């Protein structure tokens, strides 16, 4: 079965919603105008309950089917990015320095389209949970909504989300069982020595030396401290120290990112960063303070739910990839998949600029396929008897 006829019939409405959202981007957890726009539409569709203000500005709508049963959660994100738009589109951002460069406007429009269809048809036994979250990019909005009681609102049995994918054909679906996106952590190492005159280095304990040595030594961690078949990125992206040419500073620091898929690898990398930094610092007569900020966990698709989602995707599209390699980017839908089995899928956006680029724009031609998949996931997961 291709795109649902009813959803195809209001494709222009989804495009209009999406372009409105694109012109009015909001950042982080503070998306009140976006949330109000979506809430007004959901009320107009006739949802059975609407909960606002989860995770500060997140929305959860409940749509009951024709018979009782468990709940299936569908999620979209709605926050934008602090990027100056360069698309030149008629619907380009009206807010300087902000734009929807990751497709969240399209994700929200697709989910609103699915919600409209499900409210009209209700051809399922149970509850569709429509989740629209802020703060996916940097603020763990998904986790904040969970902490605010998201999973107490309905007996959620499984969860699904869609994300735009530039480079894949419009309307294609791409996913895989197991890890699809990496965990993302940040490390900062501060080296403390004894500053002084650069002409008399023997009277100092130069922190620049251990900082520089640590940049290269840390590369031994992914190269030698984990199974090479279990992915890991450990990258130093900042190094700072000193203020002028003739002064040895008291401190220097480096900072970077850690990307992993496996929890054991993640823990091992964290431990080894501290061991390497402190060992190097001691060898130079300095001290090291290591801070690791734990971020999003890995996004791990449940194999059974992924097989189910792939089967439904094939009802909607003739282009489905079910063995995509994992990506080193991170996604806070991972917090939900840590608690509820489900599947994270990508929908093709065509030959466009990449995500997080000033020239990116969501292709509205992808919305009917995405909305149809989301709606069908509910109907197939919660079938009516007879």
Protein backbone atom coordinates (compact mmCIF):
# COMPACT_ATOMS: atom_id res chain seq x y z
CA UNK A 1 0.00 0.00 0.00
CA UNK A 2 1.47 3.43 -0.93
CA UNK A 3 0.93 6.75 0.83
CA UNK A 4 -2.48 6.86 2.48
CA UNK A 5 -5.00 8.64 0.28
CA UNK A 6 -6.42 10.74 3.09
CA UNK A 7 -2.97 11.95 4.11
CA UNK A 8 -2.08 12.68 0.48
CA UNK A 9 -5.24 14.80 0.31
CA UNK A 10 -3.98 17.19 2.97
CA UNK A 11 -0.33 17.26 1.89
CA UNK A 12 -0.66 20.98 1.14
CA UNK A 13 -1.80 21.57 4.72
CA UNK A 14 1.27 19.78 6.08
CA UNK A 15 3.48 21.87 3.81
CA UNK A 16 1.82 25.05 5.07
CA UNK A 17 2.26 24.00 8.73
CA UNK A 18 5.89 23.13 8.09
CA UNK A 19 6.67 26.40 6.34
CA UNK A 20 5.03 28.38 9.14
CA UNK A 21 7.23 26.58 11.65
CA UNK A 22 10.27 27.13 9.45
CA UNK A 23 9.68 30.89 9.42
CA UNK A 24 9.38 31.04 13.21
CA UNK A 25 12.21 28.92 14.67
CA UNK A 26 12.77 28.63 18.42
CA UNK A 27 15.72 27.19 20.31
CA UNK A 28 16.32 24.65 23.04
CA UNK A 29 13.61 24.08 25.60
CA UNK A 30 11.98 27.47 24.95
CA UNK A 31 9.57 26.77 22.09
CA UNK A 32 6.32 28.39 23.31
CA UNK A 33 5.10 29.69 19.93
CA UNK A 34 5.83 26.41 18.18
CA UNK A 35 4.09 24.48 20.96
CA UNK A 36 1.07 26.81 20.87
CA UNK A 37 0.76 26.40 17.09
CA UNK A 38 0.90 22.60 17.34
CA UNK A 39 -1.47 22.54 20.33
CA UNK A 40 -4.10 24.58 18.47
CA UNK A 41 -3.98 22.15 15.56
CA UNK A 42 -4.19 19.10 17.83
CA UNK A 43 -7.23 20.52 19.62
CA UNK A 44 -8.83 21.18 16.26
CA UNK A 45 -8.20 17.59 15.19
CA UNK A 46 -10.12 16.40 18.26
CA UNK A 47 -7.48 14.68 20.37
CA UNK A 48 -8.87 13.12 23.56
CA UNK A 49 -6.37 14.76 25.91
CA UNK A 50 -3.63 17.34 25.56
CA UNK A 51 -0.89 17.76 28.14
CA UNK A 52 1.27 20.88 27.83
CA UNK A 53 4.42 22.09 29.50
CA UNK A 54 6.33 18.81 29.85
CA UNK A 55 10.05 19.46 29.54
CA UNK A 56 9.12 23.16 29.76
CA UNK A 57 7.29 23.49 26.42
CA UNK A 58 6.69 19.90 25.27
CA UNK A 59 3.29 18.53 24.22
CA UNK A 60 1.68 15.12 24.63
CA UNK A 61 -1.66 14.39 22.96
CA UNK A 62 -3.65 11.19 23.47
CA UNK A 63 -5.84 9.75 20.72
CA UNK A 64 -8.01 6.80 21.68
CA UNK A 65 -8.95 4.17 19.15
CA UNK A 66 -12.29 2.39 18.78
CA UNK A 67 -11.43 -0.19 21.43
CA UNK A 68 -9.23 -0.26 24.54
CA UNK A 69 -5.65 -1.50 24.43
CA UNK A 70 -2.02 -0.53 25.02
CA UNK A 71 -0.36 2.64 23.77
CA UNK A 72 2.06 3.36 20.93
CA UNK A 73 4.12 6.55 21.16
CA UNK A 74 5.07 8.64 18.12
CA UNK A 75 7.63 11.39 18.67
CA UNK A 76 8.72 14.54 16.84
CA UNK A 77 11.13 17.30 17.87
CA UNK A 78 10.51 21.01 17.32
CA UNK A 79 13.61 23.01 18.28
CA UNK A 80 15.78 24.80 15.71
CA UNK A 81 19.49 25.72 15.57
CA UNK A 82 21.47 28.96 16.05
CA UNK A 83 22.44 29.20 12.36
CA UNK A 84 21.93 32.07 9.91
CA UNK A 85 19.80 30.67 7.08
CA UNK A 86 21.11 30.77 3.50
CA UNK A 87 18.37 28.94 1.55
CA UNK A 88 16.75 31.99 0.00
CA UNK A 89 13.41 30.19 0.24
CA UNK A 90 10.18 32.22 0.42
CA UNK A 91 9.53 30.59 3.80
CA UNK A 92 13.06 31.24 5.13
CA UNK A 93 13.51 32.03 8.80
CA UNK A 94 12.20 35.41 9.90
CA UNK A 95 14.42 35.30 13.00
CA UNK A 96 18.04 36.36 12.44
CA UNK A 97 20.58 33.78 13.54
CA UNK A 98 18.08 30.93 13.85
CA UNK A 99 16.84 28.33 11.41
CA UNK A 100 15.41 24.84 11.14
CA UNK A 101 18.60 23.26 9.80
CA UNK A 102 17.86 19.74 11.04
CA UNK A 103 14.35 19.12 9.73
CA UNK A 104 12.51 19.39 13.03
CA UNK A 105 9.89 21.56 11.35
CA UNK A 106 9.25 18.68 8.96
CA UNK A 107 9.24 16.10 11.75
CA UNK A 108 6.56 18.07 13.57
CA UNK A 109 4.48 18.55 10.41
CA UNK A 110 4.59 14.82 9.64
CA UNK A 111 3.50 13.91 13.16
CA UNK A 112 0.70 16.48 13.05
CA UNK A 113 -0.44 14.92 9.76
CA UNK A 114 -0.46 11.46 11.33
CA UNK A 115 -2.39 12.80 14.34
CA UNK A 116 -5.01 14.38 12.10
CA UNK A 117 -5.51 11.10 10.24
CA UNK A 118 -5.67 9.03 13.43
CA UNK A 119 -8.25 11.39 14.94
CA UNK A 120 -10.41 11.07 11.83
CA UNK A 121 -10.19 7.29 11.44
CA UNK A 122 -9.43 5.80 14.90
CA UNK A 123 -9.01 2.39 13.25
CA UNK A 124 -6.98 0.91 16.10
CA UNK A 125 -7.45 -0.66 19.54
CA UNK A 126 -5.58 1.34 22.15
CA UNK A 127 -4.05 4.79 22.38
CA UNK A 128 -1.77 6.79 20.10
CA UNK A 129 0.54 8.99 22.16
CA UNK A 130 1.63 12.04 20.15
CA UNK A 131 4.83 13.51 21.65
CA UNK A 132 6.27 16.81 20.39
CA UNK A 133 9.42 17.70 22.29
CA UNK A 134 11.67 20.73 22.61
CA UNK A 135 15.39 20.66 23.27
CA UNK A 136 16.53 17.70 21.18
CA UNK A 137 19.67 19.42 19.93
CA UNK A 138 21.37 20.29 23.20
CA UNK A 139 19.01 20.16 26.17
CA UNK A 140 17.84 16.53 26.49
CA UNK A 141 14.22 17.57 26.09
CA UNK A 142 13.16 13.93 25.76
CA UNK A 143 14.63 13.08 29.15
CA UNK A 144 13.05 16.17 30.68
CA UNK A 145 9.64 15.13 29.38
CA UNK A 146 10.14 11.64 30.82
CA UNK A 147 11.07 13.18 34.17
CA UNK A 148 7.91 15.30 33.98
CA UNK A 149 5.71 12.20 33.72
CA UNK A 150 5.51 11.41 30.00
CA UNK A 151 5.33 7.65 30.55
CA UNK A 152 2.72 7.99 33.29
CA UNK A 153 0.13 9.35 30.85
CA UNK A 154 -0.55 6.05 29.04
CA UNK A 155 0.70 2.42 29.09
CA UNK A 156 3.29 2.93 26.34
CA UNK A 157 4.31 -0.44 24.87
CA UNK A 158 6.53 0.77 22.04
CA UNK A 159 7.85 4.03 20.56
CA UNK A 160 8.83 5.32 17.10
CA UNK A 161 10.45 8.43 15.65
CA UNK A 162 11.38 9.72 12.19
CA UNK A 163 14.28 11.97 11.15
CA UNK A 164 15.05 13.63 7.83
CA UNK A 165 17.96 12.13 5.84
CA UNK A 166 19.56 14.23 3.09
CA UNK A 167 21.08 12.12 0.33
CA UNK A 168 18.43 9.39 0.46
CA UNK A 169 15.60 9.43 -2.12
CA UNK A 170 12.55 11.43 -1.09
CA UNK A 171 10.14 9.14 0.73
CA UNK A 172 12.63 6.32 1.27
CA UNK A 173 12.98 4.86 4.77
CA UNK A 174 16.29 3.88 6.34
CA UNK A 175 16.96 2.10 9.63
CA UNK A 176 18.61 -0.95 11.22
CA UNK A 177 18.27 -3.10 14.33
CA UNK A 178 20.62 -2.38 17.22
CA UNK A 179 22.67 0.83 17.55
CA UNK A 180 21.83 3.52 14.99
CA UNK A 181 23.25 6.62 16.71
CA UNK A 182 26.10 6.99 19.19
CA UNK A 183 26.27 8.02 22.80
CA UNK A 184 27.81 11.48 23.12
CA UNK A 185 29.91 12.63 26.09
CA UNK A 186 32.25 15.59 26.64
CA UNK A 187 35.57 15.62 28.47
CA UNK A 188 37.64 18.49 29.84
CA UNK A 189 41.13 18.03 31.31
CA UNK A 190 42.77 20.88 33.26
CA UNK A 191 46.51 20.67 33.87
CA UNK A 192 47.83 22.64 36.84
CA UNK A 193 51.50 23.50 37.13
CA UNK A 194 53.61 26.40 38.34
CA UNK A 195 53.89 29.45 36.13
CA UNK A 196 56.86 31.75 35.77
CA UNK A 197 59.23 33.47 33.38
CA UNK A 198 59.61 31.55 30.12
CA UNK A 199 63.36 32.33 30.13
CA UNK A 200 63.73 30.24 33.31
CA UNK A 201 61.76 27.06 32.58
CA UNK A 202 63.59 25.11 35.30
CA UNK A 203 61.82 27.28 37.86
CA UNK A 204 58.37 26.35 36.50
CA UNK A 205 56.17 23.33 35.98
CA UNK A 206 54.88 24.02 32.49
CA UNK A 207 51.27 22.72 32.01
CA UNK A 208 51.48 23.23 28.23
CA UNK A 209 53.75 20.18 27.88
CA UNK A 210 51.40 17.61 29.49
CA UNK A 211 48.43 19.15 27.65
CA UNK A 212 50.20 18.72 24.31
CA UNK A 213 51.36 15.22 25.19
CA UNK A 214 47.87 14.25 26.26
CA UNK A 215 46.36 15.27 22.91
CA UNK A 216 48.34 12.57 21.14
CA UNK A 217 48.38 10.02 23.97
CA UNK A 218 44.58 9.96 24.16
CA UNK A 219 44.49 8.53 20.63
CA UNK A 220 45.86 5.30 22.10
CA UNK A 221 42.51 4.80 23.87
CA UNK A 222 40.35 4.09 20.79
CA UNK A 223 43.33 2.50 19.04
CA UNK A 224 44.41 0.11 21.81
CA UNK A 225 41.85 0.05 24.64
CA UNK A 226 38.77 -1.37 22.92
CA UNK A 227 37.79 -4.00 20.40
CA UNK A 228 38.30 -2.39 16.96
CA UNK A 229 34.94 -3.84 15.86
CA UNK A 230 33.13 -1.82 18.54
CA UNK A 231 32.98 1.79 17.38
CA UNK A 232 34.52 4.72 19.22
CA UNK A 233 35.53 8.29 18.45
CA UNK A 234 37.70 10.21 20.91
CA UNK A 235 38.49 13.67 19.56
CA UNK A 236 40.25 16.65 21.10
CA UNK A 237 38.60 19.78 19.74
CA UNK A 238 40.02 22.52 22.01
CA UNK A 239 43.39 23.26 23.58
CA UNK A 240 44.02 26.43 25.61
CA UNK A 241 46.90 27.77 27.66
CA UNK A 242 48.96 30.88 28.16
CA UNK A 243 48.53 34.56 27.39
CA UNK A 244 51.86 35.77 25.98
CA UNK A 245 55.20 34.55 24.64
CA UNK A 246 57.44 35.04 27.69
CA UNK A 247 55.25 33.66 30.47
CA UNK A 248 54.76 30.01 31.42
CA UNK A 249 51.12 29.77 32.56
CA UNK A 250 49.86 28.11 35.72
CA UNK A 251 47.19 26.15 33.85
CA UNK A 252 46.25 24.74 30.47
CA UNK A 253 43.25 22.72 29.39
CA UNK A 254 41.97 20.53 26.60
CA UNK A 255 38.42 19.55 25.70
CA UNK A 256 36.78 17.12 23.32
CA UNK A 257 34.07 14.61 22.48
CA UNK A 258 33.54 10.89 23.07
CA UNK A 259 31.26 8.86 20.80
CA UNK A 260 30.47 5.20 21.54
CA UNK A 261 27.74 2.62 20.93
CA UNK A 262 28.48 0.06 23.64
CA UNK A 263 28.00 0.77 27.36
CA UNK A 264 31.08 -1.22 28.35
CA UNK A 265 33.23 0.62 25.81
CA UNK A 266 31.82 3.91 27.07
CA UNK A 267 32.76 3.13 30.68
CA UNK A 268 36.22 1.90 29.67
CA UNK A 269 36.96 5.04 27.64
CA UNK A 270 35.90 7.27 30.52
CA UNK A 271 38.23 5.44 32.92
CA UNK A 272 41.17 5.44 30.52
CA UNK A 273 40.91 9.18 29.81
CA UNK A 274 41.42 9.85 33.52
CA UNK A 275 44.28 7.33 33.81
CA UNK A 276 46.14 8.67 30.77
CA UNK A 277 45.72 12.32 31.75
CA UNK A 278 46.78 11.85 35.35
CA UNK A 279 49.74 9.65 34.40
CA UNK A 280 51.02 12.18 31.89
CA UNK A 281 50.48 15.06 34.30
CA UNK A 282 52.48 13.28 37.01
CA UNK A 283 55.34 12.58 34.61
CA UNK A 284 55.73 16.33 34.05
CA UNK A 285 55.41 17.24 37.72
CA UNK A 286 51.94 18.71 37.25
CA UNK A 287 48.41 17.69 38.23
CA UNK A 288 45.37 16.89 36.09
CA UNK A 289 41.69 17.41 36.87
CA UNK A 290 39.43 15.35 34.61
CA UNK A 291 35.76 16.20 34.11
CA UNK A 292 33.52 14.00 31.95
CA UNK A 293 30.03 15.25 31.21
CA UNK A 294 27.74 12.35 30.34
CA UNK A 295 25.43 13.24 27.47
CA UNK A 296 22.92 11.30 25.39
CA UNK A 297 23.11 7.49 25.46
CA UNK A 298 23.37 5.44 22.29
CA UNK A 299 20.18 5.18 20.25
CA UNK A 300 19.53 1.44 20.11
CA UNK A 301 16.67 0.01 18.07
CA UNK A 302 14.85 -3.02 19.41
CA UNK A 303 15.28 -5.82 16.82
CA UNK A 304 11.66 -7.02 16.94
CA UNK A 305 10.19 -3.49 16.72
CA UNK A 306 12.61 -2.65 13.94
CA UNK A 307 11.56 -5.68 11.90
CA UNK A 308 7.94 -4.63 12.45
CA UNK A 309 8.63 -1.00 11.47
CA UNK A 310 10.46 -2.13 8.34
CA UNK A 311 7.49 -4.30 7.32
CA UNK A 312 5.15 -1.33 7.75
CA UNK A 313 7.56 0.98 5.89
CA UNK A 314 7.46 -1.40 2.94
CA UNK A 315 3.68 -0.97 2.81
CA UNK A 316 4.22 2.76 2.30
CA UNK A 317 7.39 2.98 0.21
CA UNK A 318 9.17 0.86 -2.36
CA UNK A 319 12.51 2.14 -1.06
CA UNK A 320 13.37 0.74 2.37
CA UNK A 321 16.88 0.10 3.73
CA UNK A 322 16.92 -2.14 6.80
CA UNK A 323 20.67 -2.53 7.37
CA UNK A 324 22.03 1.01 7.51
CA UNK A 325 25.40 1.39 9.26
CA UNK A 326 25.29 3.25 12.59
CA UNK A 327 26.02 6.97 12.71
CA UNK A 328 28.33 8.76 15.15
CA UNK A 329 25.81 11.58 15.66
CA UNK A 330 23.68 11.55 18.81
CA UNK A 331 19.92 11.69 19.40
CA UNK A 332 18.00 12.16 22.64
CA UNK A 333 15.20 9.78 21.57
CA UNK A 334 17.77 7.36 23.02
CA UNK A 335 16.49 8.18 26.51
CA UNK A 336 13.07 6.84 25.52
CA UNK A 337 14.46 3.74 23.82
CA UNK A 338 16.36 3.01 27.04
CA UNK A 339 12.96 2.62 28.73
CA UNK A 340 10.58 1.48 25.96
CA UNK A 341 11.39 -0.79 23.00
CA UNK A 342 11.01 0.89 19.66
CA UNK A 343 12.63 2.04 16.45
CA UNK A 344 14.22 5.21 15.11
CA UNK A 345 13.98 5.61 11.34
CA UNK A 346 15.14 8.10 8.73
CA UNK A 347 13.03 9.41 5.86
CA UNK A 348 14.76 10.47 2.65
CA UNK A 349 15.04 14.20 1.93
CA UNK A 350 16.57 13.95 -1.56
CA UNK A 351 19.73 15.55 -2.88
CA UNK A 352 19.82 18.53 -0.53
CA UNK A 353 22.28 20.30 1.72
CA UNK A 354 23.28 18.31 4.77
CA UNK A 355 21.85 18.60 8.25
CA UNK A 356 23.04 21.53 10.38
CA UNK A 357 24.01 23.46 7.26
CA UNK A 358 22.76 26.94 6.40
CA UNK A 359 21.44 25.74 3.03
CA UNK A 360 19.36 22.84 4.36
CA UNK A 361 15.58 22.73 3.93
CA UNK A 362 13.12 19.91 4.57
CA UNK A 363 11.51 18.60 1.37
CA UNK A 364 7.74 18.80 1.77
CA UNK A 365 7.33 15.97 -0.76
CA UNK A 366 8.61 13.60 1.96
CA UNK A 367 5.88 14.51 4.45
CA UNK A 368 3.02 12.34 3.09
CA UNK A 369 5.22 9.23 3.20
CA UNK A 370 6.45 10.02 6.71
CA UNK A 371 2.98 10.79 8.05
CA UNK A 372 1.59 7.63 6.43
CA UNK A 373 4.27 5.50 8.06
CA UNK A 374 3.62 7.00 11.49
CA UNK A 375 -0.12 6.45 11.18
CA UNK A 376 0.29 2.91 9.86
CA UNK A 377 2.64 2.02 12.73
CA UNK A 378 -0.21 2.71 15.14
CA UNK A 379 -2.82 0.83 13.10
CA UNK A 380 -0.61 -2.20 12.57
CA UNK A 381 0.69 -2.31 16.16
CA UNK A 382 -2.83 -1.93 17.63
CA UNK A 383 -5.12 -3.81 15.25
CA UNK A 384 -8.86 -3.91 15.71
CA UNK A 385 -10.33 -7.40 16.03
CA UNK A 386 -12.52 -8.72 13.28
